[in-house]
Amino acid sequence: MLNPDAWYRKQVWQLLWQGPGAVSAFWSMPLALVGAALSLAGNTGPAWAGLSMLFANVSLGALLILIDELCACRNHNLGLLRFSAARSRDRIAKLGIRSNQIDQFVYALWLSSELKYKFKNSRLESVELMVFGLDLLSQIASRYGRCGRRVFEANQDPIVSAIQLFECMSFAEAEQMLVEPLRTWLKDPPEYDPEGWAVSIYGES
C-alpha cells in the first residue's frame, strides 16, 4: 500500500533536486565557480569580488529552491501534485504513449481555477489518489524500457477510468465514488513483472 506521507516526502526531495529553482541554481553555479577560481588564480581583480559573486549565486540558488518548495506545498500540496503528474506524463511520453485523458487531467491540475480554489480550502483525496496511481504506474512501465508501453496499457484502466469519471462529476461526487476504488487498487497495485509479463513480452519481441 502506498504511504502518502512517504510519497510526499519523496516528491519534495525530487523537487529540491529537479525543480526550476534547482535547475537554474545548478546551471549558474559553474559560472560562479569559474569566476571565483580566476579571481583567486590570476590578477584580474580582488579575490573578494569572485568570492562575493559565488556567495551571491549560492544564496540566490538556495532562495529559488526554498521558493519552489514553499509554492509546491501551499494549497494542500497542489504544487507537488502538479509536479508529479507532469513527470508521470513525461515518463509515458518517452514510452511513446499519448493519452488525451491524462493530458487533460494534467492541464486541469495546472490551469483549472475551480480546482485551485478547491485546494485552497481543502484537499481532494480523489485527485491525490489519481496522481499517486499515475506516478506508480508510469514508474512501473518505465522499468520495462521499450516494452513499457504494453505494460502501461495493460494496467491503465483503473486510473484512466477514474480520470474520465472525474471530468464528469462534481468534486463532492468524485470524493464519494472514486476514493474507495482507487484506495483498493493502490492496496494491491501491479508489481514489476506481474505474472511473468516481462518474459512473455520480451519473448514476443
N, C-alpha and C. Protein backbone atom coordinates (compact mmCIF):
# COMPACT_ATOMS: atom_id res chain seq x y z
N MET A 1 0.85 -1.20 0.00
CA MET A 1 0.00 0.00 0.00
C MET A 1 0.88 1.24 0.00
N LEU A 2 0.56 2.18 -0.86
CA LEU A 2 1.32 3.41 -0.94
C LEU A 2 1.13 4.24 0.32
N ASN A 3 2.23 4.72 0.88
CA ASN A 3 2.19 5.58 2.06
C ASN A 3 2.18 7.03 1.59
N PRO A 4 1.07 7.76 1.77
CA PRO A 4 1.01 9.15 1.26
C PRO A 4 2.09 10.05 1.83
N ASP A 5 2.39 9.91 3.14
CA ASP A 5 3.42 10.77 3.74
C ASP A 5 4.78 10.52 3.11
N ALA A 6 5.12 9.24 2.93
CA ALA A 6 6.39 8.91 2.31
C ALA A 6 6.43 9.40 0.86
N TRP A 7 5.28 9.28 0.17
CA TRP A 7 5.21 9.74 -1.22
C TRP A 7 5.46 11.25 -1.30
N TYR A 8 4.83 12.01 -0.41
CA TYR A 8 5.02 13.46 -0.43
C TYR A 8 6.46 13.84 -0.11
N ARG A 9 7.08 13.14 0.84
CA ARG A 9 8.49 13.43 1.16
C ARG A 9 9.38 13.18 -0.05
N LYS A 10 9.09 12.09 -0.76
CA LYS A 10 9.87 11.79 -1.96
C LYS A 10 9.70 12.88 -3.02
N GLN A 11 8.47 13.34 -3.19
CA GLN A 11 8.22 14.40 -4.18
C GLN A 11 8.94 15.70 -3.81
N VAL A 12 8.99 16.01 -2.52
CA VAL A 12 9.70 17.22 -2.08
C VAL A 12 11.18 17.11 -2.42
N TRP A 13 11.78 15.96 -2.15
CA TRP A 13 13.19 15.79 -2.45
C TRP A 13 13.46 15.87 -3.94
N GLN A 14 12.57 15.27 -4.74
CA GLN A 14 12.75 15.36 -6.19
C GLN A 14 12.62 16.79 -6.67
N LEU A 15 11.69 17.53 -6.07
CA LEU A 15 11.53 18.93 -6.44
C LEU A 15 12.78 19.73 -6.08
N LEU A 16 13.36 19.46 -4.91
CA LEU A 16 14.54 20.19 -4.47
C LEU A 16 15.73 19.96 -5.41
N TRP A 17 15.79 18.78 -6.02
CA TRP A 17 16.91 18.46 -6.90
C TRP A 17 16.61 18.69 -8.37
N GLN A 18 15.31 18.66 -8.75
CA GLN A 18 14.96 18.72 -10.17
C GLN A 18 13.98 19.82 -10.52
N GLY A 19 13.55 20.61 -9.54
CA GLY A 19 12.61 21.68 -9.81
C GLY A 19 13.25 22.85 -10.52
N PRO A 20 12.47 23.85 -10.94
CA PRO A 20 13.01 25.01 -11.67
C PRO A 20 14.11 25.75 -10.91
N GLY A 21 13.91 25.94 -9.59
CA GLY A 21 14.91 26.64 -8.80
C GLY A 21 16.22 25.88 -8.76
N ALA A 22 16.15 24.56 -8.57
CA ALA A 22 17.36 23.74 -8.51
C ALA A 22 18.08 23.74 -9.86
N VAL A 23 17.33 23.61 -10.94
CA VAL A 23 17.95 23.59 -12.27
C VAL A 23 18.68 24.90 -12.56
N SER A 24 18.03 26.03 -12.26
CA SER A 24 18.67 27.33 -12.50
C SER A 24 19.90 27.50 -11.63
N ALA A 25 19.83 27.01 -10.38
CA ALA A 25 20.98 27.11 -9.48
C ALA A 25 22.14 26.26 -9.99
N PHE A 26 21.86 25.05 -10.44
CA PHE A 26 22.92 24.16 -10.92
C PHE A 26 23.56 24.69 -12.20
N TRP A 27 22.78 25.35 -13.05
CA TRP A 27 23.35 25.89 -14.28
C TRP A 27 24.22 27.12 -14.01
N SER A 28 23.83 27.94 -13.04
CA SER A 28 24.59 29.16 -12.76
C SER A 28 25.81 28.92 -11.89
N MET A 29 25.81 27.84 -11.11
CA MET A 29 26.91 27.58 -10.18
C MET A 29 28.26 27.41 -10.87
N PRO A 30 28.36 26.65 -11.97
CA PRO A 30 29.69 26.50 -12.60
C PRO A 30 30.30 27.82 -13.03
N LEU A 31 29.47 28.73 -13.56
CA LEU A 31 29.99 30.03 -13.97
C LEU A 31 30.55 30.81 -12.79
N ALA A 32 29.83 30.74 -11.67
CA ALA A 32 30.30 31.44 -10.47
C ALA A 32 31.60 30.82 -9.95
N LEU A 33 31.70 29.50 -10.01
CA LEU A 33 32.93 28.82 -9.57
C LEU A 33 34.11 29.18 -10.45
N VAL A 34 33.89 29.24 -11.76
CA VAL A 34 34.96 29.62 -12.69
C VAL A 34 35.42 31.05 -12.40
N GLY A 35 34.45 31.95 -12.17
CA GLY A 35 34.81 33.34 -11.87
C GLY A 35 35.61 33.45 -10.59
N ALA A 36 35.20 32.71 -9.57
CA ALA A 36 35.93 32.74 -8.30
C ALA A 36 37.33 32.16 -8.46
N ALA A 37 37.45 31.08 -9.24
CA ALA A 37 38.76 30.46 -9.45
C ALA A 37 39.70 31.40 -10.19
N LEU A 38 39.18 32.09 -11.21
CA LEU A 38 40.00 33.04 -11.96
C LEU A 38 40.45 34.20 -11.09
N SER A 39 39.56 34.66 -10.23
CA SER A 39 39.92 35.77 -9.35
C SER A 39 41.01 35.38 -8.37
N LEU A 40 40.96 34.13 -7.90
CA LEU A 40 41.97 33.66 -6.94
C LEU A 40 43.29 33.32 -7.62
N ALA A 41 43.20 32.77 -8.85
CA ALA A 41 44.41 32.30 -9.52
C ALA A 41 45.15 33.40 -10.26
N GLY A 42 44.42 34.37 -10.78
CA GLY A 42 45.05 35.40 -11.58
C GLY A 42 45.07 36.75 -10.88
N ASN A 43 45.44 37.73 -11.64
CA ASN A 43 45.47 39.10 -11.13
C ASN A 43 44.41 39.94 -11.82
N THR A 44 43.26 39.34 -12.02
CA THR A 44 42.21 40.04 -12.74
C THR A 44 41.41 40.98 -11.85
N GLY A 45 41.69 40.97 -10.58
CA GLY A 45 40.93 41.84 -9.67
C GLY A 45 40.99 41.29 -8.27
N PRO A 46 40.38 41.97 -7.33
CA PRO A 46 40.37 41.50 -5.95
C PRO A 46 39.71 40.13 -5.84
N ALA A 47 40.29 39.27 -4.99
CA ALA A 47 39.75 37.92 -4.82
C ALA A 47 38.35 37.96 -4.25
N TRP A 48 38.08 38.98 -3.41
CA TRP A 48 36.77 39.01 -2.77
C TRP A 48 35.65 39.22 -3.78
N ALA A 49 35.98 39.81 -4.95
CA ALA A 49 34.93 40.05 -5.95
C ALA A 49 34.39 38.72 -6.48
N GLY A 50 35.30 37.79 -6.81
CA GLY A 50 34.86 36.49 -7.29
C GLY A 50 34.15 35.70 -6.22
N LEU A 51 34.67 35.76 -5.00
CA LEU A 51 34.03 35.04 -3.91
C LEU A 51 32.66 35.62 -3.59
N SER A 52 32.53 36.92 -3.70
CA SER A 52 31.23 37.56 -3.46
C SER A 52 30.21 37.12 -4.50
N MET A 53 30.67 37.01 -5.75
CA MET A 53 29.78 36.56 -6.82
C MET A 53 29.34 35.11 -6.57
N LEU A 54 30.30 34.27 -6.13
CA LEU A 54 29.96 32.88 -5.83
C LEU A 54 28.95 32.81 -4.68
N PHE A 55 29.20 33.60 -3.63
CA PHE A 55 28.28 33.60 -2.49
C PHE A 55 26.89 34.08 -2.91
N ALA A 56 26.85 35.09 -3.78
CA ALA A 56 25.57 35.61 -4.25
C ALA A 56 24.82 34.56 -5.05
N ASN A 57 25.55 33.81 -5.88
CA ASN A 57 24.90 32.76 -6.68
C ASN A 57 24.37 31.64 -5.79
N VAL A 58 25.17 31.24 -4.80
CA VAL A 58 24.72 30.19 -3.89
C VAL A 58 23.49 30.64 -3.12
N SER A 59 23.50 31.88 -2.65
CA SER A 59 22.37 32.41 -1.88
C SER A 59 21.12 32.50 -2.74
N LEU A 60 21.28 32.98 -3.98
CA LEU A 60 20.14 33.09 -4.87
C LEU A 60 19.58 31.71 -5.21
N GLY A 61 20.48 30.74 -5.47
CA GLY A 61 20.03 29.39 -5.76
C GLY A 61 19.26 28.79 -4.60
N ALA A 62 19.77 28.97 -3.38
CA ALA A 62 19.08 28.44 -2.20
C ALA A 62 17.71 29.10 -2.03
N LEU A 63 17.64 30.41 -2.32
CA LEU A 63 16.38 31.12 -2.21
C LEU A 63 15.37 30.60 -3.24
N LEU A 64 15.81 30.38 -4.46
CA LEU A 64 14.91 29.87 -5.50
C LEU A 64 14.39 28.48 -5.15
N ILE A 65 15.27 27.64 -4.61
CA ILE A 65 14.85 26.29 -4.21
C ILE A 65 13.83 26.37 -3.08
N LEU A 66 14.08 27.27 -2.11
CA LEU A 66 13.14 27.43 -1.00
C LEU A 66 11.79 27.93 -1.49
N ILE A 67 11.80 28.86 -2.44
CA ILE A 67 10.55 29.37 -3.00
C ILE A 67 9.79 28.25 -3.71
N ASP A 68 10.53 27.41 -4.47
CA ASP A 68 9.90 26.26 -5.13
C ASP A 68 9.19 25.37 -4.11
N GLU A 69 9.88 25.08 -3.01
CA GLU A 69 9.30 24.20 -2.01
C GLU A 69 8.08 24.82 -1.35
N LEU A 70 8.17 26.10 -1.01
CA LEU A 70 7.04 26.77 -0.36
C LEU A 70 5.82 26.82 -1.29
N CYS A 71 6.06 27.14 -2.56
CA CYS A 71 4.95 27.21 -3.51
C CYS A 71 4.33 25.83 -3.74
N ALA A 72 5.19 24.80 -3.78
CA ALA A 72 4.69 23.45 -4.05
C ALA A 72 3.84 22.92 -2.90
N CYS A 73 4.16 23.31 -1.68
CA CYS A 73 3.46 22.77 -0.51
C CYS A 73 2.26 23.61 -0.10
N ARG A 74 2.06 24.74 -0.74
CA ARG A 74 0.87 25.55 -0.45
C ARG A 74 -0.38 24.87 -1.00
N ASN A 75 -1.51 25.33 -0.53
CA ASN A 75 -2.80 24.84 -1.05
C ASN A 75 -2.89 23.31 -1.00
N HIS A 76 -2.60 22.77 0.18
CA HIS A 76 -2.70 21.32 0.39
C HIS A 76 -1.87 20.53 -0.62
N ASN A 77 -0.63 20.99 -0.83
CA ASN A 77 0.35 20.30 -1.68
C ASN A 77 -0.05 20.22 -3.15
N LEU A 78 -0.83 21.18 -3.61
CA LEU A 78 -1.24 21.15 -5.02
C LEU A 78 -0.03 21.21 -5.95
N GLY A 79 0.97 22.02 -5.58
CA GLY A 79 2.16 22.13 -6.43
C GLY A 79 2.89 20.80 -6.59
N LEU A 80 2.96 20.04 -5.51
CA LEU A 80 3.62 18.73 -5.60
C LEU A 80 2.83 17.78 -6.48
N LEU A 81 1.50 17.84 -6.40
CA LEU A 81 0.67 17.01 -7.26
C LEU A 81 0.87 17.39 -8.73
N ARG A 82 0.95 18.69 -9.01
CA ARG A 82 1.21 19.14 -10.37
C ARG A 82 2.56 18.63 -10.87
N PHE A 83 3.58 18.79 -10.02
CA PHE A 83 4.94 18.37 -10.37
C PHE A 83 4.98 16.88 -10.69
N SER A 84 4.35 16.08 -9.85
CA SER A 84 4.36 14.63 -10.05
C SER A 84 3.58 14.23 -11.29
N ALA A 85 2.40 14.82 -11.50
CA ALA A 85 1.59 14.47 -12.67
C ALA A 85 2.32 14.81 -13.96
N ALA A 86 3.00 15.96 -13.98
CA ALA A 86 3.74 16.35 -15.18
C ALA A 86 4.90 15.38 -15.44
N ARG A 87 5.58 14.96 -14.37
CA ARG A 87 6.67 13.99 -14.53
C ARG A 87 6.14 12.65 -15.02
N SER A 88 4.98 12.24 -14.52
CA SER A 88 4.39 10.98 -14.98
C SER A 88 4.05 11.04 -16.46
N ARG A 89 3.50 12.16 -16.88
CA ARG A 89 3.17 12.31 -18.31
C ARG A 89 4.43 12.27 -19.16
N ASP A 90 5.52 12.89 -18.66
CA ASP A 90 6.78 12.84 -19.40
C ASP A 90 7.30 11.42 -19.51
N ARG A 91 7.16 10.65 -18.43
CA ARG A 91 7.63 9.26 -18.46
C ARG A 91 6.90 8.45 -19.54
N ILE A 92 5.58 8.55 -19.55
CA ILE A 92 4.84 7.74 -20.52
C ILE A 92 5.02 8.27 -21.94
N ALA A 93 5.27 9.58 -22.08
CA ALA A 93 5.54 10.12 -23.41
C ALA A 93 6.83 9.53 -23.98
N LYS A 94 7.82 9.30 -23.10
CA LYS A 94 9.07 8.68 -23.55
C LYS A 94 8.86 7.25 -23.99
N LEU A 95 7.79 6.63 -23.52
CA LEU A 95 7.46 5.27 -23.93
C LEU A 95 6.63 5.24 -25.22
N GLY A 96 6.32 6.42 -25.74
CA GLY A 96 5.53 6.51 -26.97
C GLY A 96 4.03 6.48 -26.72
N ILE A 97 3.61 6.79 -25.49
CA ILE A 97 2.20 6.76 -25.14
C ILE A 97 1.65 8.17 -25.13
N ARG A 98 0.56 8.39 -25.84
CA ARG A 98 -0.16 9.65 -25.79
C ARG A 98 -1.58 9.37 -25.35
N SER A 99 -1.99 10.00 -24.27
CA SER A 99 -3.34 9.78 -23.74
C SER A 99 -4.01 11.14 -23.56
N ASN A 100 -5.10 11.35 -24.30
CA ASN A 100 -5.83 12.61 -24.16
C ASN A 100 -6.39 12.79 -22.76
N GLN A 101 -6.83 11.69 -22.15
CA GLN A 101 -7.39 11.77 -20.80
C GLN A 101 -6.33 12.23 -19.79
N ILE A 102 -5.14 11.65 -19.88
CA ILE A 102 -4.07 12.03 -18.96
C ILE A 102 -3.62 13.46 -19.22
N ASP A 103 -3.52 13.84 -20.50
CA ASP A 103 -3.15 15.22 -20.83
C ASP A 103 -4.15 16.20 -20.24
N GLN A 104 -5.43 15.92 -20.40
CA GLN A 104 -6.46 16.82 -19.88
C GLN A 104 -6.42 16.90 -18.35
N PHE A 105 -6.13 15.77 -17.71
CA PHE A 105 -6.03 15.76 -16.26
C PHE A 105 -4.87 16.62 -15.79
N VAL A 106 -3.72 16.51 -16.45
CA VAL A 106 -2.55 17.33 -16.08
C VAL A 106 -2.84 18.81 -16.33
N TYR A 107 -3.47 19.12 -17.47
CA TYR A 107 -3.82 20.51 -17.75
C TYR A 107 -4.77 21.07 -16.70
N ALA A 108 -5.73 20.25 -16.28
CA ALA A 108 -6.68 20.70 -15.26
C ALA A 108 -5.97 21.00 -13.95
N LEU A 109 -4.99 20.18 -13.58
CA LEU A 109 -4.25 20.42 -12.35
C LEU A 109 -3.53 21.76 -12.39
N TRP A 110 -3.01 22.12 -13.56
CA TRP A 110 -2.24 23.35 -13.69
C TRP A 110 -3.11 24.57 -13.98
N LEU A 111 -4.20 24.39 -14.72
CA LEU A 111 -4.91 25.54 -15.26
C LEU A 111 -6.31 25.76 -14.70
N SER A 112 -6.91 24.76 -14.07
CA SER A 112 -8.29 24.91 -13.61
C SER A 112 -8.36 25.82 -12.38
N SER A 113 -9.01 26.96 -12.54
CA SER A 113 -9.17 27.88 -11.41
C SER A 113 -10.10 27.28 -10.35
N GLU A 114 -11.07 26.50 -10.80
CA GLU A 114 -12.00 25.88 -9.86
C GLU A 114 -11.28 24.86 -8.98
N LEU A 115 -10.40 24.08 -9.59
CA LEU A 115 -9.64 23.09 -8.83
C LEU A 115 -8.66 23.78 -7.88
N LYS A 116 -8.03 24.84 -8.35
CA LYS A 116 -7.11 25.59 -7.50
C LYS A 116 -7.84 26.18 -6.30
N TYR A 117 -9.01 26.73 -6.53
CA TYR A 117 -9.79 27.31 -5.43
C TYR A 117 -10.19 26.24 -4.43
N LYS A 118 -10.55 25.05 -4.93
CA LYS A 118 -10.94 23.95 -4.04
C LYS A 118 -9.77 23.54 -3.16
N PHE A 119 -8.57 23.45 -3.74
CA PHE A 119 -7.40 23.05 -2.96
C PHE A 119 -6.98 24.12 -1.95
N LYS A 120 -7.34 25.34 -2.17
CA LYS A 120 -7.04 26.37 -1.17
C LYS A 120 -7.77 26.11 0.13
N ASN A 121 -8.96 25.53 0.02
CA ASN A 121 -9.79 25.32 1.20
C ASN A 121 -9.67 23.93 1.79
N SER A 122 -9.45 22.92 0.96
CA SER A 122 -9.34 21.55 1.47
C SER A 122 -8.69 20.68 0.42
N ARG A 123 -8.20 19.53 0.84
CA ARG A 123 -7.59 18.59 -0.09
C ARG A 123 -8.69 17.78 -0.78
N LEU A 124 -8.36 17.29 -1.96
CA LEU A 124 -9.25 16.38 -2.69
C LEU A 124 -8.54 15.04 -2.78
N GLU A 125 -8.99 14.09 -1.98
CA GLU A 125 -8.32 12.80 -1.93
C GLU A 125 -8.42 12.06 -3.26
N SER A 126 -9.52 12.25 -3.97
CA SER A 126 -9.67 11.58 -5.26
C SER A 126 -8.57 12.02 -6.23
N VAL A 127 -8.26 13.31 -6.24
CA VAL A 127 -7.19 13.83 -7.10
C VAL A 127 -5.84 13.30 -6.64
N GLU A 128 -5.61 13.32 -5.34
CA GLU A 128 -4.35 12.79 -4.81
C GLU A 128 -4.15 11.34 -5.23
N LEU A 129 -5.17 10.52 -5.09
CA LEU A 129 -5.05 9.10 -5.40
C LEU A 129 -4.82 8.87 -6.90
N MET A 130 -5.44 9.69 -7.74
CA MET A 130 -5.20 9.55 -9.18
C MET A 130 -3.76 9.90 -9.52
N VAL A 131 -3.22 10.93 -8.88
CA VAL A 131 -1.82 11.29 -9.11
C VAL A 131 -0.90 10.21 -8.57
N PHE A 132 -1.20 9.67 -7.37
CA PHE A 132 -0.41 8.57 -6.83
C PHE A 132 -0.38 7.40 -7.80
N GLY A 133 -1.55 7.01 -8.29
CA GLY A 133 -1.65 5.87 -9.19
C GLY A 133 -0.92 6.10 -10.50
N LEU A 134 -1.05 7.31 -11.04
CA LEU A 134 -0.38 7.63 -12.29
C LEU A 134 1.14 7.60 -12.12
N ASP A 135 1.61 8.11 -10.99
CA ASP A 135 3.05 8.10 -10.71
C ASP A 135 3.56 6.66 -10.57
N LEU A 136 2.84 5.86 -9.82
CA LEU A 136 3.24 4.47 -9.61
C LEU A 136 3.26 3.68 -10.91
N LEU A 137 2.20 3.79 -11.68
CA LEU A 137 2.09 3.02 -12.91
C LEU A 137 3.11 3.47 -13.96
N SER A 138 3.36 4.77 -14.05
CA SER A 138 4.34 5.25 -15.03
C SER A 138 5.75 4.79 -14.65
N GLN A 139 6.04 4.72 -13.35
CA GLN A 139 7.35 4.22 -12.93
C GLN A 139 7.51 2.73 -13.24
N ILE A 140 6.44 1.96 -12.96
CA ILE A 140 6.50 0.53 -13.27
C ILE A 140 6.73 0.31 -14.76
N ALA A 141 5.97 1.03 -15.59
CA ALA A 141 6.10 0.86 -17.04
C ALA A 141 7.48 1.27 -17.54
N SER A 142 8.03 2.34 -16.97
CA SER A 142 9.33 2.84 -17.45
C SER A 142 10.45 1.83 -17.19
N ARG A 143 10.26 0.93 -16.21
CA ARG A 143 11.30 -0.07 -15.92
C ARG A 143 11.43 -1.11 -17.03
N TYR A 144 10.41 -1.22 -17.87
CA TYR A 144 10.44 -2.21 -18.94
C TYR A 144 11.09 -1.69 -20.21
N GLY A 145 11.55 -0.45 -20.18
CA GLY A 145 12.18 0.10 -21.38
C GLY A 145 11.22 0.18 -22.54
N ARG A 146 11.64 -0.35 -23.69
CA ARG A 146 10.84 -0.22 -24.91
C ARG A 146 9.53 -0.99 -24.84
N CYS A 147 9.43 -1.96 -23.93
CA CYS A 147 8.18 -2.72 -23.79
C CYS A 147 7.26 -2.13 -22.73
N GLY A 148 7.68 -1.02 -22.15
CA GLY A 148 6.87 -0.41 -21.09
C GLY A 148 5.51 0.04 -21.56
N ARG A 149 5.40 0.38 -22.84
CA ARG A 149 4.11 0.82 -23.37
C ARG A 149 3.04 -0.25 -23.18
N ARG A 150 3.39 -1.50 -23.46
CA ARG A 150 2.42 -2.59 -23.33
C ARG A 150 2.03 -2.79 -21.85
N VAL A 151 3.02 -2.65 -20.97
CA VAL A 151 2.74 -2.82 -19.55
C VAL A 151 1.81 -1.72 -19.06
N PHE A 152 2.06 -0.48 -19.48
CA PHE A 152 1.20 0.62 -19.07
C PHE A 152 -0.21 0.42 -19.59
N GLU A 153 -0.33 0.09 -20.86
CA GLU A 153 -1.66 -0.07 -21.46
C GLU A 153 -2.43 -1.23 -20.83
N ALA A 154 -1.72 -2.26 -20.37
CA ALA A 154 -2.39 -3.41 -19.75
C ALA A 154 -2.94 -3.09 -18.37
N ASN A 155 -2.41 -2.03 -17.74
CA ASN A 155 -2.79 -1.72 -16.35
C ASN A 155 -3.43 -0.35 -16.17
N GLN A 156 -3.65 0.37 -17.24
CA GLN A 156 -4.08 1.76 -17.12
C GLN A 156 -5.57 1.95 -16.81
N ASP A 157 -6.38 0.94 -17.01
CA ASP A 157 -7.83 1.12 -16.92
C ASP A 157 -8.32 1.74 -15.61
N PRO A 158 -7.85 1.28 -14.43
CA PRO A 158 -8.37 1.89 -13.19
C PRO A 158 -8.10 3.40 -13.10
N ILE A 159 -6.92 3.82 -13.54
CA ILE A 159 -6.55 5.24 -13.45
C ILE A 159 -7.26 6.05 -14.53
N VAL A 160 -7.21 5.58 -15.77
CA VAL A 160 -7.82 6.33 -16.87
C VAL A 160 -9.33 6.40 -16.69
N SER A 161 -9.95 5.32 -16.23
CA SER A 161 -11.39 5.33 -15.98
C SER A 161 -11.75 6.33 -14.89
N ALA A 162 -10.93 6.38 -13.83
CA ALA A 162 -11.18 7.35 -12.75
C ALA A 162 -11.05 8.78 -13.27
N ILE A 163 -10.06 9.03 -14.12
CA ILE A 163 -9.88 10.36 -14.69
C ILE A 163 -11.07 10.75 -15.55
N GLN A 164 -11.56 9.81 -16.36
CA GLN A 164 -12.72 10.09 -17.21
C GLN A 164 -13.95 10.41 -16.37
N LEU A 165 -14.17 9.63 -15.31
CA LEU A 165 -15.31 9.88 -14.43
C LEU A 165 -15.16 11.22 -13.70
N PHE A 166 -13.94 11.54 -13.30
CA PHE A 166 -13.70 12.78 -12.57
C PHE A 166 -14.11 14.00 -13.39
N GLU A 167 -13.88 13.92 -14.71
CA GLU A 167 -14.23 15.03 -15.59
C GLU A 167 -15.74 15.28 -15.63
N CYS A 168 -16.52 14.25 -15.33
CA CYS A 168 -17.98 14.33 -15.47
C CYS A 168 -18.68 14.57 -14.14
N MET A 169 -17.94 14.67 -13.04
CA MET A 169 -18.55 14.75 -11.72
C MET A 169 -18.22 16.07 -11.03
N SER A 170 -19.04 16.37 -10.04
CA SER A 170 -18.67 17.44 -9.12
C SER A 170 -17.59 16.91 -8.18
N PHE A 171 -16.91 17.81 -7.48
CA PHE A 171 -15.86 17.37 -6.57
C PHE A 171 -16.42 16.48 -5.46
N ALA A 172 -17.59 16.81 -4.98
CA ALA A 172 -18.20 16.01 -3.92
C ALA A 172 -18.53 14.60 -4.41
N GLU A 173 -19.04 14.51 -5.63
CA GLU A 173 -19.36 13.19 -6.19
C GLU A 173 -18.09 12.37 -6.42
N ALA A 174 -17.03 13.05 -6.87
CA ALA A 174 -15.77 12.34 -7.10
C ALA A 174 -15.22 11.77 -5.80
N GLU A 175 -15.31 12.55 -4.72
CA GLU A 175 -14.82 12.05 -3.43
C GLU A 175 -15.63 10.84 -2.98
N GLN A 176 -16.89 10.86 -3.25
CA GLN A 176 -17.76 9.77 -2.80
C GLN A 176 -17.59 8.51 -3.63
N MET A 177 -17.39 8.66 -4.94
CA MET A 177 -17.41 7.50 -5.83
C MET A 177 -16.03 6.96 -6.21
N LEU A 178 -15.00 7.79 -6.17
CA LEU A 178 -13.71 7.37 -6.69
C LEU A 178 -12.70 6.98 -5.62
N VAL A 179 -12.84 7.53 -4.43
CA VAL A 179 -11.80 7.33 -3.41
C VAL A 179 -11.63 5.86 -3.05
N GLU A 180 -12.71 5.19 -2.72
CA GLU A 180 -12.59 3.79 -2.28
C GLU A 180 -12.06 2.86 -3.37
N PRO A 181 -12.57 2.95 -4.62
CA PRO A 181 -11.97 2.09 -5.67
C PRO A 181 -10.48 2.35 -5.89
N LEU A 182 -10.07 3.62 -5.83
CA LEU A 182 -8.66 3.92 -6.02
C LEU A 182 -7.82 3.43 -4.85
N ARG A 183 -8.35 3.57 -3.64
CA ARG A 183 -7.64 3.04 -2.47
C ARG A 183 -7.46 1.53 -2.58
N THR A 184 -8.52 0.86 -3.02
CA THR A 184 -8.46 -0.60 -3.17
C THR A 184 -7.40 -1.00 -4.19
N TRP A 185 -7.36 -0.28 -5.31
CA TRP A 185 -6.36 -0.58 -6.34
C TRP A 185 -4.95 -0.34 -5.84
N LEU A 186 -4.76 0.74 -5.07
CA LEU A 186 -3.43 1.07 -4.57
C LEU A 186 -2.97 0.14 -3.45
N LYS A 187 -3.92 -0.57 -2.82
CA LYS A 187 -3.53 -1.54 -1.80
C LYS A 187 -2.81 -2.73 -2.43
N ASP A 188 -3.15 -3.04 -3.66
CA ASP A 188 -2.53 -4.17 -4.35
C ASP A 188 -2.27 -3.80 -5.81
N PRO A 189 -1.39 -2.82 -6.02
CA PRO A 189 -1.14 -2.37 -7.39
C PRO A 189 -0.32 -3.39 -8.14
N PRO A 190 -0.25 -3.26 -9.46
CA PRO A 190 0.61 -4.18 -10.22
C PRO A 190 2.05 -4.01 -9.79
N GLU A 191 2.77 -5.12 -9.71
CA GLU A 191 4.17 -5.09 -9.34
C GLU A 191 5.02 -5.14 -10.60
N TYR A 192 6.30 -4.88 -10.39
CA TYR A 192 7.23 -5.02 -11.51
C TYR A 192 7.24 -6.47 -11.98
N ASP A 193 6.97 -6.69 -13.25
CA ASP A 193 6.87 -8.01 -13.85
C ASP A 193 5.80 -8.87 -13.19
N PRO A 194 4.55 -8.37 -13.06
CA PRO A 194 3.49 -9.22 -12.51
C PRO A 194 3.16 -10.35 -13.48
N GLU A 195 2.96 -11.53 -12.94
CA GLU A 195 2.53 -12.70 -13.71
C GLU A 195 3.47 -13.05 -14.86
N GLY A 196 4.75 -12.68 -14.70
CA GLY A 196 5.72 -13.03 -15.73
C GLY A 196 5.54 -12.30 -17.04
N TRP A 197 4.96 -11.10 -17.00
CA TRP A 197 4.72 -10.37 -18.25
C TRP A 197 6.02 -10.10 -19.01
N ALA A 198 7.07 -9.78 -18.26
CA ALA A 198 8.32 -9.44 -18.95
C ALA A 198 8.78 -10.59 -19.82
N VAL A 199 8.61 -11.82 -19.33
CA VAL A 199 9.05 -12.98 -20.10
C VAL A 199 8.26 -13.08 -21.40
N SER A 200 6.93 -12.95 -21.30
CA SER A 200 6.11 -13.08 -22.49
C SER A 200 6.31 -11.91 -23.44
N ILE A 201 6.47 -10.71 -22.88
CA ILE A 201 6.64 -9.52 -23.74
C ILE A 201 7.95 -9.61 -24.50
N TYR A 202 9.04 -9.89 -23.78
CA TYR A 202 10.32 -9.97 -24.45
C TYR A 202 10.41 -11.18 -25.37
N GLY A 203 9.62 -12.22 -25.02
CA GLY A 203 9.60 -13.40 -25.90
C GLY A 203 8.97 -13.10 -27.24
N GLU A 204 8.01 -12.15 -27.24
CA GLU A 204 7.33 -11.79 -28.49
C GLU A 204 8.18 -10.88 -29.34
N SER A 205 9.12 -10.16 -28.71
CA SER A 205 9.91 -9.15 -29.43
C SER A 205 10.93 -9.79 -30.35
